[in-house]
N, C-alpha and C. Protein backbone atom coordinates (compact mmCIF):
# COMPACT_ATOMS: atom_id res chain seq x y z
N UNK A 1 76.01 57.29 31.22
CA UNK A 1 76.71 57.03 30.04
C UNK A 1 77.73 57.91 29.12
N UNK A 2 78.93 57.16 28.55
CA UNK A 2 79.62 57.71 27.72
C UNK A 2 78.93 58.07 26.47
N UNK A 3 79.90 59.00 25.27
CA UNK A 3 79.24 59.15 24.09
C UNK A 3 79.62 57.68 23.05
N UNK A 4 80.61 56.83 23.58
CA UNK A 4 81.09 55.82 22.60
C UNK A 4 79.65 54.87 23.30
N UNK A 5 79.09 54.81 24.31
CA UNK A 5 78.20 53.83 25.17
C UNK A 5 77.05 54.05 23.79
N UNK A 6 77.22 55.38 24.02
CA UNK A 6 75.70 55.75 23.52
C UNK A 6 75.50 55.22 22.08
N UNK A 7 76.86 55.44 21.61
CA UNK A 7 76.82 55.26 20.03
C UNK A 7 76.69 53.93 19.76
N UNK A 8 77.26 53.06 20.81
CA UNK A 8 77.07 51.64 20.67
C UNK A 8 75.78 51.39 20.98
N UNK A 9 75.02 51.43 21.81
CA UNK A 9 73.09 51.39 22.00
C UNK A 9 72.52 51.47 20.86
N UNK A 10 72.83 52.57 20.05
CA UNK A 10 72.26 53.57 19.36
C UNK A 10 72.40 52.64 17.74
N UNK A 11 74.15 51.92 17.52
CA UNK A 11 73.81 50.99 16.84
C UNK A 11 73.17 49.56 17.56
N UNK A 12 73.04 49.17 18.62
CA UNK A 12 72.42 47.72 18.88
C UNK A 12 70.84 47.86 18.86
N UNK A 13 70.16 48.88 19.33
CA UNK A 13 68.73 48.93 19.62
C UNK A 13 68.22 49.77 18.61
N UNK A 14 69.05 50.78 18.35
CA UNK A 14 68.60 51.82 16.69
C UNK A 14 67.78 53.12 17.71
N UNK A 15 67.41 54.14 16.68
CA UNK A 15 67.03 54.94 17.62
C UNK A 15 65.85 54.96 18.84
N UNK A 16 65.77 56.23 19.05
CA UNK A 16 64.63 55.74 20.23
C UNK A 16 63.35 56.64 19.69
N UNK A 17 62.63 56.15 18.38
CA UNK A 17 61.44 56.45 17.81
C UNK A 17 60.20 55.70 18.43
N UNK A 18 59.21 56.38 18.49
CA UNK A 18 57.87 56.05 18.98
C UNK A 18 57.38 54.51 17.78
N UNK A 19 56.85 53.84 18.28
CA UNK A 19 56.27 53.10 17.62
C UNK A 19 55.71 53.59 16.43
N UNK A 20 55.06 53.45 15.52
CA UNK A 20 54.38 53.82 14.53
C UNK A 20 52.46 53.41 15.05
N UNK A 21 51.87 54.38 14.57
CA UNK A 21 50.37 54.22 15.06
C UNK A 21 49.72 53.17 14.18
N UNK A 22 48.86 53.11 14.63
CA UNK A 22 48.03 51.97 14.13
C UNK A 22 46.79 52.64 13.77
N UNK A 23 46.20 52.90 13.02
CA UNK A 23 44.96 53.59 12.30
C UNK A 23 44.31 53.29 11.84
N UNK A 24 42.94 53.09 12.50
CA UNK A 24 41.57 52.85 12.29
C UNK A 24 40.31 54.09 11.72
N UNK A 25 39.70 53.34 11.08
CA UNK A 25 38.64 54.50 10.53
C UNK A 25 38.02 54.95 11.91
N UNK A 26 37.09 55.56 11.73
CA UNK A 26 36.03 55.92 13.01
C UNK A 26 34.74 54.98 12.53
N UNK A 27 34.97 54.62 11.60
CA UNK A 27 33.81 53.38 11.25
C UNK A 27 33.91 52.30 11.87
N UNK A 28 35.10 52.02 11.87
CA UNK A 28 35.26 50.95 12.78
C UNK A 28 35.89 50.96 14.31
N UNK A 29 36.05 52.15 14.45
CA UNK A 29 36.54 52.54 16.21
C UNK A 29 35.38 52.67 16.66
N UNK A 30 34.30 53.26 16.44
CA UNK A 30 32.92 53.73 16.93
C UNK A 30 32.32 52.36 17.21
N UNK A 31 32.11 51.45 17.14
CA UNK A 31 31.24 50.41 16.90
C UNK A 31 31.95 49.24 18.44
N UNK A 32 33.37 49.46 18.17
CA UNK A 32 34.42 48.88 19.21
C UNK A 32 33.84 49.04 20.75
N UNK A 33 33.82 50.61 20.85
CA UNK A 33 33.79 51.80 22.11
C UNK A 33 32.32 50.91 23.14
N UNK A 34 31.46 50.17 22.08
CA UNK A 34 30.78 49.54 22.53
C UNK A 34 30.87 48.41 23.32
N UNK A 35 32.00 47.66 22.98
CA UNK A 35 32.17 46.42 23.43
C UNK A 35 32.99 46.55 24.71
N UNK A 36 32.55 46.85 25.51
CA UNK A 36 33.19 46.93 27.20
C UNK A 36 31.95 46.45 28.15
N UNK A 37 32.79 45.92 29.32
CA UNK A 37 31.79 45.12 30.14
C UNK A 37 30.56 46.23 30.39
N UNK A 38 30.86 47.41 30.93
CA UNK A 38 29.92 48.20 31.39
C UNK A 38 28.81 48.34 30.67
N UNK A 39 29.28 48.58 29.22
CA UNK A 39 28.17 48.74 28.26
C UNK A 39 27.44 48.08 28.03
N UNK A 40 27.92 46.80 27.91
CA UNK A 40 26.73 45.49 27.65
C UNK A 40 26.25 45.57 28.67
N UNK A 41 26.69 45.70 30.19
CA UNK A 41 25.80 45.41 30.62
C UNK A 41 24.50 46.42 31.11
N UNK A 42 24.76 47.36 31.08
CA UNK A 42 24.00 48.37 30.86
C UNK A 42 22.94 48.56 29.41
N UNK A 43 23.21 47.76 28.34
CA UNK A 43 22.45 48.08 27.24
C UNK A 43 21.36 46.28 27.48
N UNK A 44 22.24 45.65 28.23
CA UNK A 44 21.36 44.31 28.71
C UNK A 44 20.20 44.57 29.84
N UNK A 45 20.46 45.92 30.67
CA UNK A 45 19.91 46.32 31.19
C UNK A 45 18.55 47.33 30.73
N UNK A 46 19.07 47.75 29.88
CA UNK A 46 18.07 48.50 29.05
C UNK A 46 16.71 47.69 28.01
N UNK A 47 17.28 46.48 27.67
CA UNK A 47 16.76 45.87 26.90
C UNK A 47 15.66 45.18 28.00
N UNK A 48 16.25 44.64 29.00
CA UNK A 48 14.97 43.89 30.03
C UNK A 48 14.16 44.82 30.81
N UNK A 49 14.76 46.26 30.83
CA UNK A 49 13.53 46.96 31.30
C UNK A 49 12.45 47.35 30.71
N UNK A 50 12.97 47.73 28.90
CA UNK A 50 12.10 47.60 27.94
C UNK A 50 11.35 46.51 27.91
N UNK A 51 11.45 45.24 28.26
CA UNK A 51 10.49 43.49 28.28
C UNK A 51 9.77 44.13 28.86
N UNK A 52 9.90 44.60 29.99
CA UNK A 52 8.96 44.46 31.44
C UNK A 52 8.01 45.85 31.50
N UNK A 53 8.39 46.82 30.18
CA UNK A 53 7.31 48.06 30.01
C UNK A 53 7.87 49.47 30.96
N UNK A 54 9.04 49.52 31.09
CA UNK A 54 9.92 50.31 31.63
C UNK A 54 10.31 51.52 30.25
N UNK A 55 9.55 51.74 29.28
CA UNK A 55 10.26 52.10 27.79
C UNK A 55 11.15 53.49 28.29
N UNK A 56 10.76 54.28 29.52
CA UNK A 56 11.44 55.60 29.83
C UNK A 56 12.70 55.19 30.23
N UNK A 57 12.92 54.05 31.46
CA UNK A 57 14.16 53.53 32.45
C UNK A 57 15.35 53.39 30.94
N UNK A 58 14.26 52.07 30.18
CA UNK A 58 14.93 51.71 28.85
C UNK A 58 16.21 52.98 27.86
N UNK A 59 15.04 53.91 28.00
CA UNK A 59 15.47 55.07 26.13
C UNK A 59 16.38 55.84 27.80
N UNK A 60 16.57 55.85 28.90
CA UNK A 60 17.41 56.70 29.32
C UNK A 60 18.77 56.17 29.59
N UNK A 61 18.78 54.60 30.08
CA UNK A 61 19.57 53.48 30.16
C UNK A 61 20.54 53.97 28.53
N UNK A 62 20.07 53.80 27.43
CA UNK A 62 20.48 53.57 26.14
C UNK A 62 20.76 55.05 26.08
N UNK A 63 20.38 55.90 26.11
CA UNK A 63 21.33 57.56 26.09
C UNK A 63 22.18 57.61 26.89
N UNK A 64 22.69 57.26 28.34
CA UNK A 64 23.57 57.30 28.97
C UNK A 64 24.71 56.29 28.42
N UNK A 65 24.66 55.39 27.50
CA UNK A 65 25.56 54.72 27.27
C UNK A 65 26.07 55.44 25.78
N UNK A 66 25.29 55.92 25.13
CA UNK A 66 25.75 56.58 24.04
C UNK A 66 26.01 57.91 24.08
N UNK A 67 25.81 59.03 25.27
CA UNK A 67 26.60 59.35 25.47
C UNK A 67 28.48 59.44 25.77
N UNK A 68 27.87 58.52 26.86
CA UNK A 68 29.33 58.02 27.41
C UNK A 68 30.50 57.25 26.48
N UNK A 69 29.91 56.66 25.03
CA UNK A 69 30.49 56.52 23.93
C UNK A 69 30.75 57.72 22.89
N UNK A 70 29.97 58.27 23.12
CA UNK A 70 30.28 59.59 22.41
C UNK A 70 31.29 60.37 22.84
N UNK A 71 31.54 60.46 24.22
CA UNK A 71 32.31 60.96 24.62
C UNK A 71 34.04 60.61 24.79
N UNK A 72 33.71 59.15 25.28
CA UNK A 72 35.15 58.50 24.88
C UNK A 72 35.57 58.61 23.38
N UNK A 73 34.57 58.50 22.53
CA UNK A 73 35.19 58.63 20.92
C UNK A 73 35.81 60.32 20.81
N UNK A 74 35.03 61.08 21.47
CA UNK A 74 36.03 62.36 21.21
C UNK A 74 36.68 62.77 21.81
N UNK A 75 37.08 62.25 23.06
CA UNK A 75 38.48 62.44 23.61
C UNK A 75 39.52 61.47 23.45
N UNK A 76 39.27 59.98 22.78
CA UNK A 76 40.07 59.57 21.98
C UNK A 76 40.65 59.85 20.59
N UNK A 77 39.84 60.49 19.79
CA UNK A 77 40.23 61.70 18.43
C UNK A 77 41.18 62.65 19.07
N UNK A 78 40.78 63.55 20.41
CA UNK A 78 41.42 64.61 20.25
C UNK A 78 43.09 63.98 21.07
N UNK A 79 42.86 62.81 21.28
CA UNK A 79 44.20 62.60 21.89
C UNK A 79 44.98 62.22 20.84
N UNK A 80 44.28 61.40 20.05
CA UNK A 80 45.16 60.51 18.38
C UNK A 80 45.72 62.04 17.37
N UNK A 81 45.14 63.11 17.20
CA UNK A 81 45.73 64.68 17.31
C UNK A 81 46.59 64.84 17.52
N UNK A 82 46.60 64.75 18.68
CA UNK A 82 47.78 65.39 19.86
C UNK A 82 48.62 64.70 19.57
N UNK A 83 48.74 63.47 19.21
CA UNK A 83 49.69 62.07 19.11
C UNK A 83 50.17 62.72 18.00
N UNK A 84 49.60 62.69 17.26
CA UNK A 84 49.95 62.73 15.43
C UNK A 84 50.94 64.18 15.82
N UNK A 85 50.74 65.27 16.28
CA UNK A 85 51.52 66.32 16.11
C UNK A 85 52.61 66.30 16.99
N UNK A 86 52.54 65.34 18.16
CA UNK A 86 53.83 65.51 18.70
C UNK A 86 55.02 64.45 18.12
N UNK A 87 54.78 63.58 17.41
CA UNK A 87 55.16 62.77 16.03
C UNK A 87 55.92 63.11 15.14
N UNK A 88 55.12 64.34 14.65
CA UNK A 88 55.22 65.35 13.41
C UNK A 88 56.84 66.44 13.82
């Protein structure tokens, strides 16, 4: 690509900047992490286990869902920090 072509494309398409990030608060993002097929299936399984008297199993399932959501939230938070530092 020649310098002239690059300048023409810069005028035509604009600078190659990343799209602005959509920022949501943690209060909004955390509940959204529970809304995925696996999480919903596991929470339904926990409710069923609780109804049939398997309270230990229900507790373990719920704990695993919360641990998974917590890890996902932490990783997402860390990646957003990295993205912000790259944009700066």
